[in-house]
C-alpha atoms as a PDB file:
ATOM      1  CA  MET A   1       5.503 -15.978  -5.000  1.00  0.00           C
ATOM      2  CA  SER A   2       3.793 -12.650  -5.682  1.00  0.00           C
ATOM      3  CA  PHE A   3       2.936 -10.619  -2.577  1.00  0.00           C
ATOM      4  CA  GLN A   4      -0.807 -10.611  -3.578  1.00  0.00           C
ATOM      5  CA  ARG A   5      -0.589 -14.392  -3.608  1.00  0.00           C
ATOM      6  CA  PHE A   6       1.327 -14.437  -0.334  1.00  0.00           C
ATOM      7  CA  TYR A   7      -1.364 -11.964   1.096  1.00  0.00           C
ATOM      8  CA  ARG A   8      -4.052 -14.293   0.259  1.00  0.00           C
ATOM      9  CA  THR A   9      -2.452 -17.095   2.148  1.00  0.00           C
ATOM     10  CA  TRP A  10      -1.393 -14.956   5.044  1.00  0.00           C
ATOM     11  CA  PHE A  11      -4.784 -13.707   5.555  1.00  0.00           C
ATOM     12  CA  GLU A  12      -6.480 -17.225   5.554  1.00  0.00           C
ATOM     13  CA  GLN A  13      -3.924 -18.280   8.173  1.00  0.00           C
ATOM     14  CA  LEU A  14      -4.651 -15.365  10.177  1.00  0.00           C
ATOM     15  CA  LYS A  15      -8.302 -15.945  10.132  1.00  0.00           C
ATOM     16  CA  ASP A  16      -7.607 -19.573  11.298  1.00  0.00           C
ATOM     17  CA  VAL A  17      -5.474 -18.216  14.141  1.00  0.00           C
ATOM     18  CA  VAL A  18      -8.293 -15.708  15.239  1.00  0.00           C
ATOM     19  CA  ARG A  19     -10.949 -18.490  15.194  1.00  0.00           C
ATOM     20  CA  GLN A  20      -8.558 -20.530  17.444  1.00  0.00           C
ATOM     21  CA  LEU A  21      -8.338 -17.557  19.741  1.00  0.00           C
ATOM     22  CA  SER A  22     -11.894 -17.000  19.793  1.00  0.00           C
ATOM     23  CA  GLN A  23     -12.392 -20.548  20.885  1.00  0.00           C
ATOM     24  CA  VAL A  24     -10.320 -20.329  23.938  1.00  0.00           C
ATOM     25  CA  PRO A  25     -12.512 -20.090  27.175  1.00  0.00           C
ATOM     26  CA  ARG A  26     -12.759 -16.992  28.899  1.00  0.00           C
ATOM     27  CA  PRO A  27     -12.037 -16.282  31.633  1.00  0.00           C
ATOM     28  CA  LEU A  28      -8.934 -18.481  31.578  1.00  0.00           C
ATOM     29  CA  THR A  29      -9.607 -20.967  34.328  1.00  0.00           C
ATOM     30  CA  ASN A  30      -6.560 -23.290  34.453  1.00  0.00           C
ATOM     31  CA  ASP A  31      -2.660 -23.144  33.299  1.00  0.00           C
ATOM     32  CA  GLN A  32      -3.157 -25.216  30.341  1.00  0.00           C
ATOM     33  CA  GLN A  33      -5.753 -22.792  28.843  1.00  0.00           C
ATOM     34  CA  HIS A  34      -3.503 -19.720  29.771  1.00  0.00           C
ATOM     35  CA  GLU A  35      -0.743 -21.484  27.915  1.00  0.00           C
ATOM     36  CA  LEU A  36      -2.787 -22.148  24.970  1.00  0.00           C
ATOM     37  CA  TYR A  37      -3.882 -18.643  25.024  1.00  0.00           C
ATOM     38  CA  GLN A  38      -0.162 -17.140  25.142  1.00  0.00           C
ATOM     39  CA  GLN A  39       0.929 -19.478  22.405  1.00  0.00           C
ATOM     40  CA  LEU A  40      -1.881 -18.228  20.068  1.00  0.00           C
ATOM     41  CA  VAL A  41      -1.107 -14.728  20.956  1.00  0.00           C
ATOM     42  CA  GLN A  42       2.621 -15.304  20.139  1.00  0.00           C
ATOM     43  CA  LYS A  43       1.495 -17.157  16.821  1.00  0.00           C
ATOM     44  CA  VAL A  44      -0.378 -13.929  15.918  1.00  0.00           C
ATOM     45  CA  ILE A  45       2.651 -11.708  16.710  1.00  0.00           C
ATOM     46  CA  SER A  46       4.931 -13.862  14.701  1.00  0.00           C
ATOM     47  CA  HIS A  47       2.366 -14.073  11.926  1.00  0.00           C
ATOM     48  CA  TYR A  48       2.235 -10.268  11.679  1.00  0.00           C
ATOM     49  CA  HIS A  49       6.175 -10.019  11.898  1.00  0.00           C
ATOM     50  CA  GLU A  50       6.379 -12.393   8.981  1.00  0.00           C
ATOM     51  CA  PHE A  51       3.754 -10.255   6.982  1.00  0.00           C
ATOM     52  CA  TYR A  52       5.771  -6.987   7.497  1.00  0.00           C
ATOM     53  CA  ARG A  53       9.056  -8.873   6.738  1.00  0.00           C
ATOM     54  CA  VAL A  54       7.737 -10.193   3.452  1.00  0.00           C
ATOM     55  CA  LYS A  55       6.100  -6.921   2.555  1.00  0.00           C
ATOM     56  CA  SER A  56       9.287  -5.029   3.138  1.00  0.00           C
ATOM     57  CA  LEU A  57      11.078  -7.337   0.710  1.00  0.00           C
ATOM     58  CA  ALA A  58       8.206  -6.969  -1.735  1.00  0.00           C
ATOM     59  CA  ALA A  59       8.553  -3.197  -1.485  1.00  0.00           C
ATOM     60  CA  LYS A  60      12.026  -3.197  -2.376  1.00  0.00           C
ATOM     61  CA  ASN A  61      11.165  -5.039  -5.619  1.00  0.00           C
ATOM     62  CA  ASP A  62       8.086  -3.140  -6.678  1.00  0.00           C
ATOM     63  CA  ILE A  63       7.005  -0.320  -4.190  1.00  0.00           C
ATOM     64  CA  LEU A  64       4.009   0.811  -6.396  1.00  0.00           C
ATOM     65  CA  THR A  65       2.208  -2.501  -6.144  1.00  0.00           C
ATOM     66  CA  ILE A  66       2.592  -2.391  -2.544  1.00  0.00           C
ATOM     67  CA  PHE A  67       1.026   1.181  -2.368  1.00  0.00           C
ATOM     68  CA  ALA A  68      -1.609   0.323  -4.930  1.00  0.00           C
ATOM     69  CA  ALA A  69      -2.561  -2.800  -2.701  1.00  0.00           C
ATOM     70  CA  PRO A  70      -4.631  -4.678  -5.247  1.00  0.00           C
ATOM     71  CA  TRP A  71      -5.455  -7.057  -2.575  1.00  0.00           C
ATOM     72  CA  ALA A  72      -6.895  -4.357  -0.291  1.00  0.00           C
ATOM     73  CA  THR A  73     -10.504  -3.830   0.362  1.00  0.00           C
ATOM     74  CA  SER A  74     -12.300  -0.878  -0.992  1.00  0.00           C
ATOM     75  CA  LEU A  75     -12.235   0.648   2.810  1.00  0.00           C
ATOM     76  CA  GLU A  76      -8.467   0.025   2.998  1.00  0.00           C
ATOM     77  CA  ARG A  77      -8.064   1.878  -0.488  1.00  0.00           C
ATOM     78  CA  SER A  78     -10.084   4.846   0.601  1.00  0.00           C
ATOM     79  CA  LEU A  79      -8.225   4.907   3.887  1.00  0.00           C
ATOM     80  CA  HIS A  80      -5.128   5.257   1.602  1.00  0.00           C
ATOM     81  CA  TRP A  81      -6.712   8.130  -0.257  1.00  0.00           C
ATOM     82  CA  ILE A  82      -7.916   9.922   2.917  1.00  0.00           C
ATOM     83  CA  ALA A  83      -4.448   9.613   4.169  1.00  0.00           C
ATOM     84  CA  GLY A  84      -2.890  11.449   1.187  1.00  0.00           C
ATOM     85  CA  TRP A  85      -1.621   8.377  -0.926  1.00  0.00           C
ATOM     86  CA  ARG A  86      -3.002   9.272  -4.351  1.00  0.00           C
ATOM     87  CA  PRO A  87      -1.829   7.994  -7.793  1.00  0.00           C
ATOM     88  CA  THR A  88      -0.055  11.296  -8.587  1.00  0.00           C
ATOM     89  CA  THR A  89       2.064  10.784  -5.648  1.00  0.00           C
ATOM     90  CA  ALA A  90       4.055   8.067  -7.693  1.00  0.00           C
ATOM     91  CA  TYR A  91       4.688  10.767 -10.487  1.00  0.00           C
ATOM     92  CA  HIS A  92       6.217  12.865  -7.735  1.00  0.00           C
ATOM     93  CA  LEU A  93       8.544  10.191  -6.605  1.00  0.00           C
ATOM     94  CA  ILE A  94       9.388   9.501 -10.391  1.00  0.00           C
ATOM     95  CA  TYR A  95      10.253  13.192 -10.978  1.00  0.00           C
ATOM     96  CA  THR A  96      12.131  13.533  -7.613  1.00  0.00           C
ATOM     97  CA  GLU A  97      14.157  10.363  -8.028  1.00  0.00           C
ATOM     98  CA  SER A  98      15.009  10.912 -11.773  1.00  0.00           C
ATOM     99  CA  SER A  99      16.213  14.481 -10.921  1.00  0.00           C
ATOM    100  CA  ILE A 100      18.389  13.100  -8.239  1.00  0.00           C
ATOM    101  CA  LEU A 101      19.708  10.312 -10.314  1.00  0.00           C
ATOM    102  CA  PHE A 102      20.241  12.542 -13.286  1.00  0.00           C
ATOM    103  CA  GLU A 103      22.177  15.189 -11.049  1.00  0.00           C
ATOM    104  CA  SER A 104      24.411  12.749  -9.617  1.00  0.00           C
ATOM    105  CA  HIS A 105      25.524  11.121 -12.786  1.00  0.00           C
ATOM    106  CA  ILE A 106      25.403  14.321 -14.996  1.00  0.00           C
ATOM    107  CA  ILE A 107      29.137  13.970 -15.962  1.00  0.00           C
ATOM    108  CA  GLU A 108      28.915  10.332 -16.857  1.00  0.00           C
ATOM    109  CA  ILE A 109      25.670  11.040 -18.815  1.00  0.00           C
ATOM    110  CA  LEU A 110      27.397  13.747 -20.902  1.00  0.00           C
ATOM    111  CA  LEU A 111      30.103  11.293 -21.556  1.00  0.00           C
ATOM    112  CA  GLY A 112      27.634   8.897 -22.979  1.00  0.00           C
ATOM    113  CA  LEU A 113      27.458   6.363 -19.946  1.00  0.00           C
ATOM    114  CA  ARG A 114      24.002   5.136 -18.922  1.00  0.00           C
ATOM    115  CA  TYR A 115      22.864   3.625 -15.625  1.00  0.00           C
ATOM    116  CA  ARG A 116      19.442   2.119 -16.797  1.00  0.00           C
ATOM    117  CA  ASP A 117      17.651   3.959 -14.068  1.00  0.00           C
ATOM    118  CA  LEU A 118      15.342   6.705 -13.665  1.00  0.00           C
ATOM    119  CA  GLY A 119      18.246   9.327 -14.280  1.00  0.00           C
ATOM    120  CA  ASP A 120      18.332   7.995 -17.900  1.00  0.00           C
ATOM    121  CA  LEU A 121      14.600   8.781 -18.863  1.00  0.00           C
ATOM    122  CA  SER A 122      14.785  10.392 -22.383  1.00  0.00           C
ATOM    123  CA  PRO A 123      12.802  13.544 -23.117  1.00  0.00           C
ATOM    124  CA  GLY A 124      10.345  11.347 -24.969  1.00  0.00           C
ATOM    125  CA  GLN A 125       9.854   9.233 -21.904  1.00  0.00           C
ATOM    126  CA  LEU A 126       9.512  12.202 -19.535  1.00  0.00           C
ATOM    127  CA  ALA A 127       6.833  13.673 -21.824  1.00  0.00           C
ATOM    128  CA  ARG A 128       4.905  10.502 -21.752  1.00  0.00           C
ATOM    129  CA  VAL A 129       5.196  10.384 -18.091  1.00  0.00           C
ATOM    130  CA  SER A 130       3.913  14.018 -17.858  1.00  0.00           C
ATOM    131  CA  GLU A 131       0.979  12.973 -20.203  1.00  0.00           C
ATOM    132  CA  LEU A 132       0.021  10.127 -17.817  1.00  0.00           C
ATOM    133  CA  GLN A 133       0.243  12.448 -14.854  1.00  0.00           C
ATOM    134  CA  CYS A 134      -2.198  15.025 -16.367  1.00  0.00           C
ATOM    135  CA  GLU A 135      -4.502  12.171 -17.221  1.00  0.00           C
ATOM    136  CA  VAL A 136      -4.251  10.899 -13.663  1.00  0.00           C
ATOM    137  CA  VAL A 137      -4.729  14.372 -12.231  1.00  0.00           C
ATOM    138  CA  GLN A 138      -8.053  14.692 -14.163  1.00  0.00           C
ATOM    139  CA  GLU A 139      -9.330  11.536 -12.749  1.00  0.00           C
ATOM    140  CA  GLU A 140      -8.205  12.450  -9.283  1.00  0.00           C
ATOM    141  CA  ASN A 141      -9.904  15.690  -9.577  1.00  0.00           C
ATOM    142  CA  ALA A 142     -13.073  13.930 -10.772  1.00  0.00           C
ATOM    143  CA  ILE A 143     -13.066  11.648  -7.758  1.00  0.00           C
ATOM    144  CA  THR A 144     -12.327  14.718  -5.406  1.00  0.00           C
ATOM    145  CA  ASP A 145     -15.094  16.694  -6.870  1.00  0.00           C
ATOM    146  CA  GLU A 146     -17.510  13.633  -6.511  1.00  0.00           C
ATOM    147  CA  LEU A 147     -16.328  13.193  -2.946  1.00  0.00           C
ATOM    148  CA  SER A 148     -16.933  16.965  -2.257  1.00  0.00           C
ATOM    149  CA  ASN A 149     -20.586  16.931  -3.656  1.00  0.00           C
ATOM    150  CA  TRP A 150     -21.139  13.717  -1.562  1.00  0.00           C
ATOM    151  CA  GLN A 151     -19.942  15.529   1.667  1.00  0.00           C
ATOM    152  CA  ALA A 152     -21.820  18.937   0.718  1.00  0.00           C
ATOM    153  CA  ARG A 153     -25.205  16.852   0.635  1.00  0.00           C
ATOM    154  CA  GLY A 154     -24.419  16.375   4.479  1.00  0.00           C
ATOM    155  CA  PRO A 155     -25.613  13.501   6.701  1.00  0.00           C
ATOM    156  CA  HIS A 156     -28.922  12.052   5.970  1.00  0.00           C
ATOM    157  CA  PRO A 157     -31.436  11.922   8.659  1.00  0.00           C
ATOM    158  CA  SER A 158     -31.699   8.726  10.548  1.00  0.00           C
ATOM    159  CA  PRO A 159     -34.835   6.793  10.358  1.00  0.00           C
ATOM    160  CA  PHE A 160     -34.417   6.169  14.112  1.00  0.00           C
ATOM    161  CA  SER A 161     -34.544   9.786  15.209  1.00  0.00           C
END
């Protein structure tokens, strides 16, 4: 199952547990309510534990999809941007990993052995990665300029002031 599909199912289950939690009377007036409340809280904790377990496994298979988070809301994706995760970060990771792998296998590579990893990227492949990075940098710069212009306009007066 793809992580995106897992996430949709997981999120629906989370909404169900939260709904159940919201239906528990407050304040808790008897032991039965207290026990139900504790069970539901434990269910939420276990549910999140499962989310991070599956996300960790998915990240080992395809880290970029996890960072791109196509299932995330616009707000969540903008928080990634604000926190510094931008598409060009992936290119930095590719260059760093390919350099490390290339250096660690230099003797074997010179002997003609291949590992079929990022250390084996050909000059043509590296050139294409570089071209893609340039395109992405231009798009990122356009977004950054748009955000700067938006911020420069400042806050709009409130109709309630």
